């Protein structure tokens, strides 16, 4: 699947919106999480880039959201802390997509 899912351009506008939300929400880990998930901005962006391929692989919007939620700390590191590059964030998400797909196939064959 990694050949199918490529790295979309870094959504700097979304990153700035997440940072603005974080400033408005105040301090704390919950504010970080709320800022990255308000409006599902990043999820919608990635689904827009990958949705057709993800659907062919058996993902729904809801299952993609569940998978992406596992990367909340990674999104915080990218958007709010600048501790993670866009490329690395995307690689981690793609790796999870591939892992889920392999797991589904193993359950089917097992």
PDB file of N, CA and C in Angstrom:
ATOM      1  N   UNK A   1       0.806  -1.198   0.000  1.00  0.00           N
ATOM      2  CA  UNK A   1       0.000   0.000   0.000  1.00  0.00           C
ATOM      3  C   UNK A   1       0.845   1.257   0.000  1.00  0.00           C
ATOM      4  N   UNK A   2       2.071   1.228   0.551  1.00  0.00           N
ATOM      5  CA  UNK A   2       2.877   2.437   0.626  1.00  0.00           C
ATOM      6  C   UNK A   2       3.147   3.021  -0.748  1.00  0.00           C
ATOM      7  N   UNK A   3       3.219   2.171  -1.783  1.00  0.00           N
ATOM      8  CA  UNK A   3       3.410   2.684  -3.131  1.00  0.00           C
ATOM      9  C   UNK A   3       2.193   3.495  -3.556  1.00  0.00           C
ATOM     10  N   UNK A   4       1.026   3.183  -3.008  1.00  0.00           N
ATOM     11  CA  UNK A   4      -0.203   3.878  -3.363  1.00  0.00           C
ATOM     12  C   UNK A   4      -0.381   5.169  -2.582  1.00  0.00           C
ATOM     13  N   UNK A   5       0.021   5.163  -1.328  1.00  0.00           N
ATOM     14  CA  UNK A   5      -0.135   6.349  -0.490  1.00  0.00           C
ATOM     15  C   UNK A   5       1.163   7.144  -0.523  1.00  0.00           C
ATOM     16  N   UNK A   6       1.092   8.320  -1.099  1.00  0.00           N
ATOM     17  CA  UNK A   6       2.281   9.159  -1.156  1.00  0.00           C
ATOM     18  C   UNK A   6       2.113  10.333  -0.198  1.00  0.00           C
ATOM     19  N   UNK A   7       3.218  10.981   0.076  1.00  0.00           N
ATOM     20  CA  UNK A   7       3.206  12.110   1.003  1.00  0.00           C
ATOM     21  C   UNK A   7       2.587  13.327   0.320  1.00  0.00           C
ATOM     22  N   UNK A   8       1.445  13.794   0.824  1.00  0.00           N
ATOM     23  CA  UNK A   8       0.866  15.013   0.257  1.00  0.00           C
ATOM     24  C   UNK A   8       1.659  16.230   0.744  1.00  0.00           C
ATOM     25  N   UNK A   9       1.496  17.366   0.089  1.00  0.00           N
ATOM     26  CA  UNK A   9       2.192  18.573   0.546  1.00  0.00           C
ATOM     27  C   UNK A   9       1.837  18.893   2.003  1.00  0.00           C
ATOM     28  N   UNK A  10       2.799  19.416   2.724  1.00  0.00           N
ATOM     29  CA  UNK A  10       2.555  19.767   4.124  1.00  0.00           C
ATOM     30  C   UNK A  10       1.483  20.853   4.192  1.00  0.00           C
ATOM     31  N   UNK A  11       0.434  20.616   4.975  1.00  0.00           N
ATOM     32  CA  UNK A  11      -0.667  21.581   5.068  1.00  0.00           C
ATOM     33  C   UNK A  11      -0.364  22.669   6.108  1.00  0.00           C
ATOM     34  N   UNK A  12       0.445  23.634   5.719  1.00  0.00           N
ATOM     35  CA  UNK A  12       0.880  24.667   6.660  1.00  0.00           C
ATOM     36  C   UNK A  12      -0.285  25.499   7.185  1.00  0.00           C
ATOM     37  N   UNK A  13      -1.319  25.686   6.366  1.00  0.00           N
ATOM     38  CA  UNK A  13      -2.490  26.444   6.820  1.00  0.00           C
ATOM     39  C   UNK A  13      -3.193  25.703   7.964  1.00  0.00           C
ATOM     40  N   UNK A  14      -3.294  24.394   7.850  1.00  0.00           N
ATOM     41  CA  UNK A  14      -3.900  23.592   8.916  1.00  0.00           C
ATOM     42  C   UNK A  14      -3.039  23.663  10.170  1.00  0.00           C
ATOM     43  N   UNK A  15      -1.739  23.577  10.002  1.00  0.00           N
ATOM     44  CA  UNK A  15      -0.824  23.667  11.142  1.00  0.00           C
ATOM     45  C   UNK A  15      -1.018  24.997  11.878  1.00  0.00           C
ATOM     46  N   UNK A  16      -1.132  26.080  11.125  1.00  0.00           N
ATOM     47  CA  UNK A  16      -1.338  27.395  11.740  1.00  0.00           C
ATOM     48  C   UNK A  16      -2.689  27.481  12.444  1.00  0.00           C
ATOM     49  N   UNK A  17      -3.728  26.890  11.864  1.00  0.00           N
ATOM     50  CA  UNK A  17      -5.047  26.890  12.511  1.00  0.00           C
ATOM     51  C   UNK A  17      -5.010  26.099  13.814  1.00  0.00           C
ATOM     52  N   UNK A  18      -4.312  24.979  13.813  1.00  0.00           N
ATOM     53  CA  UNK A  18      -4.173  24.178  15.034  1.00  0.00           C
ATOM     54  C   UNK A  18      -3.454  24.993  16.100  1.00  0.00           C
ATOM     55  N   UNK A  19      -2.409  25.700  15.710  1.00  0.00           N
ATOM     56  CA  UNK A  19      -1.662  26.533  16.669  1.00  0.00           C
ATOM     57  C   UNK A  19      -2.522  27.671  17.215  1.00  0.00           C
ATOM     58  N   UNK A  20      -3.323  28.273  16.357  1.00  0.00           N
ATOM     59  CA  UNK A  20      -4.205  29.350  16.807  1.00  0.00           C
ATOM     60  C   UNK A  20      -5.247  28.816  17.789  1.00  0.00           C
ATOM     61  N   UNK A  21      -5.808  27.661  17.490  1.00  0.00           N
ATOM     62  CA  UNK A  21      -6.762  27.036  18.410  1.00  0.00           C
ATOM     63  C   UNK A  21      -6.104  26.753  19.751  1.00  0.00           C
ATOM     64  N   UNK A  22      -4.906  26.229  19.709  1.00  0.00           N
ATOM     65  CA  UNK A  22      -4.178  25.895  20.937  1.00  0.00           C
ATOM     66  C   UNK A  22      -3.970  27.141  21.786  1.00  0.00           C
ATOM     67  N   UNK A  23      -3.613  28.249  21.157  1.00  0.00           N
ATOM     68  CA  UNK A  23      -3.429  29.505  21.889  1.00  0.00           C
ATOM     69  C   UNK A  23      -4.725  29.946  22.552  1.00  0.00           C
ATOM     70  N   UNK A  24      -5.833  29.782  21.855  1.00  0.00           N
ATOM     71  CA  UNK A  24      -7.131  30.192  22.393  1.00  0.00           C
ATOM     72  C   UNK A  24      -7.601  29.283  23.522  1.00  0.00           C
ATOM     73  N   UNK A  25      -7.193  28.024  23.487  1.00  0.00           N
ATOM     74  CA  UNK A  25      -7.672  27.046  24.470  1.00  0.00           C
ATOM     75  C   UNK A  25      -6.918  27.073  25.789  1.00  0.00           C
ATOM     76  N   UNK A  26      -5.722  27.626  25.803  1.00  0.00           N
ATOM     77  CA  UNK A  26      -4.941  27.641  27.025  1.00  0.00           C
ATOM     78  C   UNK A  26      -3.987  26.468  27.101  1.00  0.00           C
ATOM     79  N   UNK A  27      -3.400  26.293  28.274  1.00  0.00           N
ATOM     80  CA  UNK A  27      -2.344  25.294  28.458  1.00  0.00           C
ATOM     81  C   UNK A  27      -2.909  23.922  28.803  1.00  0.00           C
ATOM     82  N   UNK A  28      -2.091  22.909  28.549  1.00  0.00           N
ATOM     83  CA  UNK A  28      -2.428  21.565  28.992  1.00  0.00           C
ATOM     84  C   UNK A  28      -2.550  20.562  27.871  1.00  0.00           C
ATOM     85  N   UNK A  29      -2.380  19.308  28.253  1.00  0.00           N
ATOM     86  CA  UNK A  29      -2.433  18.207  27.303  1.00  0.00           C
ATOM     87  C   UNK A  29      -3.808  18.087  26.652  1.00  0.00           C
ATOM     88  N   UNK A  30      -4.858  18.284  27.411  1.00  0.00           N
ATOM     89  CA  UNK A  30      -6.205  18.217  26.836  1.00  0.00           C
ATOM     90  C   UNK A  30      -6.406  19.308  25.792  1.00  0.00           C
ATOM     91  N   UNK A  31      -5.860  20.499  26.045  1.00  0.00           N
ATOM     92  CA  UNK A  31      -5.954  21.582  25.061  1.00  0.00           C
ATOM     93  C   UNK A  31      -5.201  21.212  23.790  1.00  0.00           C
ATOM     94  N   UNK A  32      -4.051  20.551  23.944  1.00  0.00           N
ATOM     95  CA  UNK A  32      -3.299  20.084  22.769  1.00  0.00           C
ATOM     96  C   UNK A  32      -4.163  19.150  21.931  1.00  0.00           C
ATOM     97  N   UNK A  33      -4.753  18.170  22.583  1.00  0.00           N
ATOM     98  CA  UNK A  33      -5.574  17.178  21.872  1.00  0.00           C
ATOM     99  C   UNK A  33      -6.798  17.813  21.229  1.00  0.00           C
ATOM    100  N   UNK A  34      -7.442  18.682  21.971  1.00  0.00           N
ATOM    101  CA  UNK A  34      -8.619  19.358  21.432  1.00  0.00           C
ATOM    102  C   UNK A  34      -8.246  20.204  20.216  1.00  0.00           C
ATOM    103  N   UNK A  35      -7.112  20.882  20.287  1.00  0.00           N
ATOM    104  CA  UNK A  35      -6.674  21.723  19.167  1.00  0.00           C
ATOM    105  C   UNK A  35      -6.432  20.900  17.904  1.00  0.00           C
ATOM    106  N   UNK A  36      -5.802  19.743  18.045  1.00  0.00           N
ATOM    107  CA  UNK A  36      -5.502  18.964  16.835  1.00  0.00           C
ATOM    108  C   UNK A  36      -6.736  18.261  16.277  1.00  0.00           C
ATOM    109  N   UNK A  37      -7.759  18.034  17.103  1.00  0.00           N
ATOM    110  CA  UNK A  37      -8.940  17.307  16.610  1.00  0.00           C
ATOM    111  C   UNK A  37     -10.146  18.186  16.310  1.00  0.00           C
ATOM    112  N   UNK A  38     -10.144  19.442  16.731  1.00  0.00           N
ATOM    113  CA  UNK A  38     -11.274  20.321  16.438  1.00  0.00           C
ATOM    114  C   UNK A  38     -11.445  20.449  14.929  1.00  0.00           C
ATOM    115  N   UNK A  39     -12.605  20.110  14.447  1.00  0.00           N
ATOM    116  CA  UNK A  39     -12.896  20.202  13.024  1.00  0.00           C
ATOM    117  C   UNK A  39     -12.274  19.103  12.177  1.00  0.00           C
ATOM    118  N   UNK A  40     -11.531  18.206  12.809  1.00  0.00           N
ATOM    119  CA  UNK A  40     -10.888  17.105  12.064  1.00  0.00           C
ATOM    120  C   UNK A  40     -10.142  17.606  10.830  1.00  0.00           C
ATOM    121  N   UNK A  41      -9.495  18.756  10.960  1.00  0.00           N
ATOM    122  CA  UNK A  41      -8.873  19.391   9.798  1.00  0.00           C
ATOM    123  C   UNK A  41      -7.820  18.503   9.132  1.00  0.00           C
ATOM    124  N   UNK A  42      -6.917  17.962   9.920  1.00  0.00           N
ATOM    125  CA  UNK A  42      -5.861  17.135   9.336  1.00  0.00           C
ATOM    126  C   UNK A  42      -6.430  15.828   8.795  1.00  0.00           C
ATOM    127  N   UNK A  43      -7.358  15.251   9.510  1.00  0.00           N
ATOM    128  CA  UNK A  43      -7.985  14.008   9.048  1.00  0.00           C
ATOM    129  C   UNK A  43      -8.686  14.229   7.707  1.00  0.00           C
ATOM    130  N   UNK A  44      -9.413  15.327   7.575  1.00  0.00           N
ATOM    131  CA  UNK A  44     -10.098  15.620   6.312  1.00  0.00           C
ATOM    132  C   UNK A  44      -9.094  15.840   5.182  1.00  0.00           C
ATOM    133  N   UNK A  45      -7.993  16.505   5.499  1.00  0.00           N
ATOM    134  CA  UNK A  45      -6.956  16.743   4.493  1.00  0.00           C
ATOM    135  C   UNK A  45      -6.368  15.418   3.998  1.00  0.00           C
ATOM    136  N   UNK A  46      -6.001  14.549   4.926  1.00  0.00           N
ATOM    137  CA  UNK A  46      -5.412  13.264   4.536  1.00  0.00           C
ATOM    138  C   UNK A  46      -6.431  12.379   3.821  1.00  0.00           C
ATOM    139  N   UNK A  47      -7.668  12.393   4.278  1.00  0.00           N
ATOM    140  CA  UNK A  47      -8.707  11.606   3.605  1.00  0.00           C
ATOM    141  C   UNK A  47      -8.912  12.130   2.181  1.00  0.00           C
ATOM    142  N   UNK A  48      -8.833  13.435   2.015  1.00  0.00           N
ATOM    143  CA  UNK A  48      -8.940  14.008   0.675  1.00  0.00           C
ATOM    144  C   UNK A  48      -7.819  13.534  -0.242  1.00  0.00           C
ATOM    145  N   UNK A  49      -6.639  13.384   0.315  1.00  0.00           N
ATOM    146  CA  UNK A  49      -5.487  12.930  -0.473  1.00  0.00           C
ATOM    147  C   UNK A  49      -5.509  11.425  -0.709  1.00  0.00           C
ATOM    148  N   UNK A  50      -5.956  10.670   0.264  1.00  0.00           N
ATOM    149  CA  UNK A  50      -5.822   9.212   0.238  1.00  0.00           C
ATOM    150  C   UNK A  50      -7.141   8.453   0.209  1.00  0.00           C
ATOM    151  N   UNK A  51      -8.255   9.136   0.354  1.00  0.00           N
ATOM    152  CA  UNK A  51      -9.535   8.468   0.564  1.00  0.00           C
ATOM    153  C   UNK A  51      -9.874   7.388  -0.439  1.00  0.00           C
ATOM    154  N   UNK A  52      -9.670   7.658  -1.715  1.00  0.00           N
ATOM    155  CA  UNK A  52     -10.029   6.663  -2.739  1.00  0.00           C
ATOM    156  C   UNK A  52      -9.226   5.381  -2.544  1.00  0.00           C
ATOM    157  N   UNK A  53      -7.934   5.526  -2.315  1.00  0.00           N
ATOM    158  CA  UNK A  53      -7.083   4.349  -2.115  1.00  0.00           C
ATOM    159  C   UNK A  53      -7.429   3.638  -0.799  1.00  0.00           C
ATOM    160  N   UNK A  54      -7.703   4.410   0.237  1.00  0.00           N
ATOM    161  CA  UNK A  54      -8.068   3.808   1.522  1.00  0.00           C
ATOM    162  C   UNK A  54      -9.373   3.022   1.405  1.00  0.00           C
ATOM    163  N   UNK A  55     -10.335   3.569   0.680  1.00  0.00           N
ATOM    164  CA  UNK A  55     -11.604   2.853   0.476  1.00  0.00           C
ATOM    165  C   UNK A  55     -11.370   1.532  -0.239  1.00  0.00           C
ATOM    166  N   UNK A  56     -10.510   1.543  -1.254  1.00  0.00           N
ATOM    167  CA  UNK A  56     -10.200   0.299  -1.967  1.00  0.00           C
ATOM    168  C   UNK A  56      -9.544  -0.718  -1.039  1.00  0.00           C
ATOM    169  N   UNK A  57      -8.842  -0.220  -0.023  1.00  0.00           N
ATOM    170  CA  UNK A  57      -8.176  -1.107   0.938  1.00  0.00           C
ATOM    171  C   UNK A  57      -9.106  -1.516   2.076  1.00  0.00           C
ATOM    172  N   UNK A  58     -10.369  -1.062   2.031  1.00  0.00           N
ATOM    173  CA  UNK A  58     -11.338  -1.475   3.037  1.00  0.00           C
ATOM    174  C   UNK A  58     -11.550  -0.503   4.180  1.00  0.00           C
ATOM    175  N   UNK A  59     -10.945   0.666   4.109  1.00  0.00           N
ATOM    176  CA  UNK A  59     -11.135   1.662   5.157  1.00  0.00           C
ATOM    177  C   UNK A  59     -12.414   2.447   4.912  1.00  0.00           C
ATOM    178  N   UNK A  60     -13.039   2.843   6.007  1.00  0.00           N
ATOM    179  CA  UNK A  60     -14.114   3.826   5.978  1.00  0.00           C
ATOM    180  C   UNK A  60     -13.565   5.088   6.632  1.00  0.00           C
ATOM    181  N   UNK A  61     -14.312   6.171   6.525  1.00  0.00           N
ATOM    182  CA  UNK A  61     -13.909   7.399   7.210  1.00  0.00           C
ATOM    183  C   UNK A  61     -13.735   7.125   8.704  1.00  0.00           C
ATOM    184  N   UNK A  62     -14.670   6.383   9.277  1.00  0.00           N
ATOM    185  CA  UNK A  62     -14.632   6.105  10.710  1.00  0.00           C
ATOM    186  C   UNK A  62     -13.419   5.260  11.088  1.00  0.00           C
ATOM    187  N   UNK A  63     -13.105   4.250  10.300  1.00  0.00           N
ATOM    188  CA  UNK A  63     -11.944   3.417  10.634  1.00  0.00           C
ATOM    189  C   UNK A  63     -10.646   4.196  10.445  1.00  0.00           C
ATOM    190  N   UNK A  64     -10.606   5.081   9.458  1.00  0.00           N
ATOM    191  CA  UNK A  64      -9.425   5.929   9.283  1.00  0.00           C
ATOM    192  C   UNK A  64      -9.278   6.877  10.464  1.00  0.00           C
ATOM    193  N   UNK A  65     -10.387   7.456  10.914  1.00  0.00           N
ATOM    194  CA  UNK A  65     -10.338   8.340  12.087  1.00  0.00           C
ATOM    195  C   UNK A  65      -9.827   7.589  13.309  1.00  0.00           C
ATOM    196  N   UNK A  66     -10.293   6.380  13.511  1.00  0.00           N
ATOM    197  CA  UNK A  66      -9.833   5.572  14.651  1.00  0.00           C
ATOM    198  C   UNK A  66      -8.337   5.328  14.573  1.00  0.00           C
ATOM    199  N   UNK A  67      -7.856   5.017  13.389  1.00  0.00           N
ATOM    200  CA  UNK A  67      -6.421   4.790  13.211  1.00  0.00           C
ATOM    201  C   UNK A  67      -5.641   6.082  13.448  1.00  0.00           C
ATOM    202  N   UNK A  68      -6.129   7.180  12.904  1.00  0.00           N
ATOM    203  CA  UNK A  68      -5.419   8.450  13.038  1.00  0.00           C
ATOM    204  C   UNK A  68      -5.395   8.931  14.490  1.00  0.00           C
ATOM    205  N   UNK A  69      -6.445   8.635  15.236  1.00  0.00           N
ATOM    206  CA  UNK A  69      -6.474   9.024  16.658  1.00  0.00           C
ATOM    207  C   UNK A  69      -5.304   8.411  17.424  1.00  0.00           C
ATOM    208  N   UNK A  70      -4.840   7.252  16.981  1.00  0.00           N
ATOM    209  CA  UNK A  70      -3.682   6.625  17.622  1.00  0.00           C
ATOM    210  C   UNK A  70      -2.419   7.461  17.440  1.00  0.00           C
ATOM    211  N   UNK A  71      -2.449   8.395  16.519  1.00  0.00           N
ATOM    212  CA  UNK A  71      -1.295   9.254  16.228  1.00  0.00           C
ATOM    213  C   UNK A  71      -1.479  10.668  16.778  1.00  0.00           C
ATOM    214  N   UNK A  72      -2.360  10.836  17.743  1.00  0.00           N
ATOM    215  CA  UNK A  72      -2.592  12.168  18.308  1.00  0.00           C
ATOM    216  C   UNK A  72      -1.299  12.790  18.810  1.00  0.00           C
ATOM    217  N   UNK A  73      -0.497  12.032  19.545  1.00  0.00           N
ATOM    218  CA  UNK A  73       0.761  12.584  20.060  1.00  0.00           C
ATOM    219  C   UNK A  73       1.701  12.974  18.926  1.00  0.00           C
ATOM    220  N   UNK A  74       1.689  12.213  17.839  1.00  0.00           N
ATOM    221  CA  UNK A  74       2.515  12.556  16.679  1.00  0.00           C
ATOM    222  C   UNK A  74       2.031  13.854  16.034  1.00  0.00           C
ATOM    223  N   UNK A  75       0.718  14.023  15.939  1.00  0.00           N
ATOM    224  CA  UNK A  75       0.174  15.248  15.354  1.00  0.00           C
ATOM    225  C   UNK A  75       0.523  16.441  16.240  1.00  0.00           C
ATOM    226  N   UNK A  76       0.429  16.272  17.554  1.00  0.00           N
ATOM    227  CA  UNK A  76       0.831  17.333  18.485  1.00  0.00           C
ATOM    228  C   UNK A  76       2.305  17.672  18.281  1.00  0.00           C
ATOM    229  N   UNK A  77       3.145  16.647  18.162  1.00  0.00           N
ATOM    230  CA  UNK A  77       4.583  16.872  17.968  1.00  0.00           C
ATOM    231  C   UNK A  77       4.853  17.629  16.667  1.00  0.00           C
ATOM    232  N   UNK A  78       4.095  17.327  15.622  1.00  0.00           N
ATOM    233  CA  UNK A  78       4.268  18.022  14.344  1.00  0.00           C
ATOM    234  C   UNK A  78       3.696  19.440  14.396  1.00  0.00           C
ATOM    235  N   UNK A  79       2.445  19.571  14.805  1.00  0.00           N
ATOM    236  CA  UNK A  79       1.740  20.850  14.689  1.00  0.00           C
ATOM    237  C   UNK A  79       2.098  21.851  15.774  1.00  0.00           C
ATOM    238  N   UNK A  80       2.303  21.374  16.984  1.00  0.00           N
ATOM    239  CA  UNK A  80       2.463  22.291  18.112  1.00  0.00           C
ATOM    240  C   UNK A  80       3.875  22.369  18.669  1.00  0.00           C
ATOM    241  N   UNK A  81       4.654  21.334  18.507  1.00  0.00           N
ATOM    242  CA  UNK A  81       5.979  21.297  19.142  1.00  0.00           C
ATOM    243  C   UNK A  81       7.140  21.415  18.151  1.00  0.00           C
ATOM    244  N   UNK A  82       6.856  21.204  16.873  1.00  0.00           N
ATOM    245  CA  UNK A  82       7.913  21.141  15.855  1.00  0.00           C
ATOM    246  C   UNK A  82       8.977  20.112  16.208  1.00  0.00           C
ATOM    247  N   UNK A  83       8.561  19.032  16.856  1.00  0.00           N
ATOM    248  CA  UNK A  83       9.462  17.936  17.217  1.00  0.00           C
ATOM    249  C   UNK A  83       9.410  16.799  16.213  1.00  0.00           C
ATOM    250  N   UNK A  84       8.532  16.894  15.226  1.00  0.00           N
ATOM    251  CA  UNK A  84       8.355  15.826  14.252  1.00  0.00           C
ATOM    252  C   UNK A  84       8.117  16.471  12.890  1.00  0.00           C
ATOM    253  N   UNK A  85       8.847  16.014  11.896  1.00  0.00           N
ATOM    254  CA  UNK A  85       8.660  16.572  10.553  1.00  0.00           C
ATOM    255  C   UNK A  85       7.357  16.049   9.948  1.00  0.00           C
ATOM    256  N   UNK A  86       6.866  16.771   8.964  1.00  0.00           N
ATOM    257  CA  UNK A  86       5.684  16.336   8.233  1.00  0.00           C
ATOM    258  C   UNK A  86       5.940  14.974   7.597  1.00  0.00           C
ATOM    259  N   UNK A  87       7.099  14.812   6.984  1.00  0.00           N
ATOM    260  CA  UNK A  87       7.419  13.544   6.339  1.00  0.00           C
ATOM    261  C   UNK A  87       7.386  12.376   7.300  1.00  0.00           C
ATOM    262  N   UNK A  88       7.919  12.573   8.498  1.00  0.00           N
ATOM    263  CA  UNK A  88       7.919  11.490   9.490  1.00  0.00           C
ATOM    264  C   UNK A  88       6.506  11.202   9.988  1.00  0.00           C
ATOM    265  N   UNK A  89       5.711  12.233  10.205  1.00  0.00           N
ATOM    266  CA  UNK A  89       4.314  12.024  10.611  1.00  0.00           C
ATOM    267  C   UNK A  89       3.585  11.186   9.559  1.00  0.00           C
ATOM    268  N   UNK A  90       3.734  11.553   8.305  1.00  0.00           N
ATOM    269  CA  UNK A  90       3.068  10.822   7.224  1.00  0.00           C
ATOM    270  C   UNK A  90       3.572   9.382   7.164  1.00  0.00           C
ATOM    271  N   UNK A  91       4.873   9.179   7.299  1.00  0.00           N
ATOM    272  CA  UNK A  91       5.421   7.813   7.281  1.00  0.00           C
ATOM    273  C   UNK A  91       4.822   6.962   8.402  1.00  0.00           C
ATOM    274  N   UNK A  92       4.668   7.547   9.573  1.00  0.00           N
ATOM    275  CA  UNK A  92       4.090   6.802  10.697  1.00  0.00           C
ATOM    276  C   UNK A  92       2.630   6.428  10.436  1.00  0.00           C
ATOM    277  N   UNK A  93       1.885   7.356   9.885  1.00  0.00           N
ATOM    278  CA  UNK A  93       0.476   7.067   9.585  1.00  0.00           C
ATOM    279  C   UNK A  93       0.383   5.989   8.505  1.00  0.00           C
ATOM    280  N   UNK A  94       1.178   6.115   7.454  1.00  0.00           N
ATOM    281  CA  UNK A  94       1.169   5.106   6.389  1.00  0.00           C
ATOM    282  C   UNK A  94       1.550   3.741   6.950  1.00  0.00           C
ATOM    283  N   UNK A  95       2.529   3.710   7.836  1.00  0.00           N
ATOM    284  CA  UNK A  95       2.934   2.444   8.455  1.00  0.00           C
ATOM    285  C   UNK A  95       1.772   1.818   9.225  1.00  0.00           C
ATOM    286  N   UNK A  96       1.004   2.626   9.923  1.00  0.00           N
ATOM    287  CA  UNK A  96      -0.166   2.113  10.647  1.00  0.00           C
ATOM    288  C   UNK A  96      -1.234   1.603   9.690  1.00  0.00           C
ATOM    289  N   UNK A  97      -1.437   2.316   8.599  1.00  0.00           N
ATOM    290  CA  UNK A  97      -2.398   1.866   7.585  1.00  0.00           C
ATOM    291  C   UNK A  97      -1.966   0.505   7.057  1.00  0.00           C
ATOM    292  N   UNK A  98      -0.689   0.379   6.726  1.00  0.00           N
ATOM    293  CA  UNK A  98      -0.178  -0.895   6.205  1.00  0.00           C
ATOM    294  C   UNK A  98      -0.293  -2.001   7.245  1.00  0.00           C
ATOM    295  N   UNK A  99      -0.001  -1.687   8.499  1.00  0.00           N
ATOM    296  CA  UNK A  99      -0.115  -2.676   9.569  1.00  0.00           C
ATOM    297  C   UNK A  99      -1.540  -3.139   9.759  1.00  0.00           C
ATOM    298  N   UNK A 100      -2.464  -2.227   9.697  1.00  0.00           N
ATOM    299  CA  UNK A 100      -3.886  -2.587   9.830  1.00  0.00           C
ATOM    300  C   UNK A 100      -4.307  -3.480   8.673  1.00  0.00           C
ATOM    301  N   UNK A 101      -3.844  -3.149   7.492  1.00  0.00           N
ATOM    302  CA  UNK A 101      -4.207  -3.929   6.306  1.00  0.00           C
ATOM    303  C   UNK A 101      -3.648  -5.349   6.415  1.00  0.00           C
ATOM    304  N   UNK A 102      -2.389  -5.477   6.847  1.00  0.00           N
ATOM    305  CA  UNK A 102      -1.788  -6.811   7.024  1.00  0.00           C
ATOM    306  C   UNK A 102      -2.535  -7.589   8.092  1.00  0.00           C
ATOM    307  N   UNK A 103      -2.914  -6.913   9.169  1.00  0.00           N
ATOM    308  CA  UNK A 103      -3.644  -7.562  10.255  1.00  0.00           C
ATOM    309  C   UNK A 103      -4.999  -8.074   9.766  1.00  0.00           C
ATOM    310  N   UNK A 104      -5.693  -7.260   8.982  1.00  0.00           N
ATOM    311  CA  UNK A 104      -6.986  -7.683   8.431  1.00  0.00           C
ATOM    312  C   UNK A 104      -6.819  -8.897   7.529  1.00  0.00           C
ATOM    313  N   UNK A 105      -5.776  -8.912   6.719  1.00  0.00           N
ATOM    314  CA  UNK A 105      -5.523 -10.029   5.819  1.00  0.00           C
ATOM    315  C   UNK A 105      -5.198 -11.291   6.610  1.00  0.00           C
ATOM    316  N   UNK A 106      -4.403 -11.159   7.667  1.00  0.00           N
ATOM    317  CA  UNK A 106      -4.055 -12.317   8.502  1.00  0.00           C
ATOM    318  C   UNK A 106      -5.294 -12.910   9.156  1.00  0.00           C
ATOM    319  N   UNK A 107      -6.188 -12.051   9.646  1.00  0.00           N
ATOM    320  CA  UNK A 107      -7.427 -12.542  10.258  1.00  0.00           C
ATOM    321  C   UNK A 107      -8.284 -13.261   9.223  1.00  0.00           C
ATOM    322  N   UNK A 108      -8.316 -12.731   8.024  1.00  0.00           N
ATOM    323  CA  UNK A 108      -9.103 -13.340   6.955  1.00  0.00           C
ATOM    324  C   UNK A 108      -8.540 -14.708   6.574  1.00  0.00           C
ATOM    325  N   UNK A 109      -7.219 -14.800   6.479  1.00  0.00           N
ATOM    326  CA  UNK A 109      -6.578 -16.050   6.066  1.00  0.00           C
ATOM    327  C   UNK A 109      -6.453 -17.055   7.201  1.00  0.00           C
ATOM    328  N   UNK A 110      -6.422 -16.526   8.446  1.00  0.00           N
ATOM    329  CA  UNK A 110      -6.178 -17.371   9.610  1.00  0.00           C
ATOM    330  C   UNK A 110      -7.333 -18.191   9.974  1.00  0.00           C
TER     331      UNK A 110
END
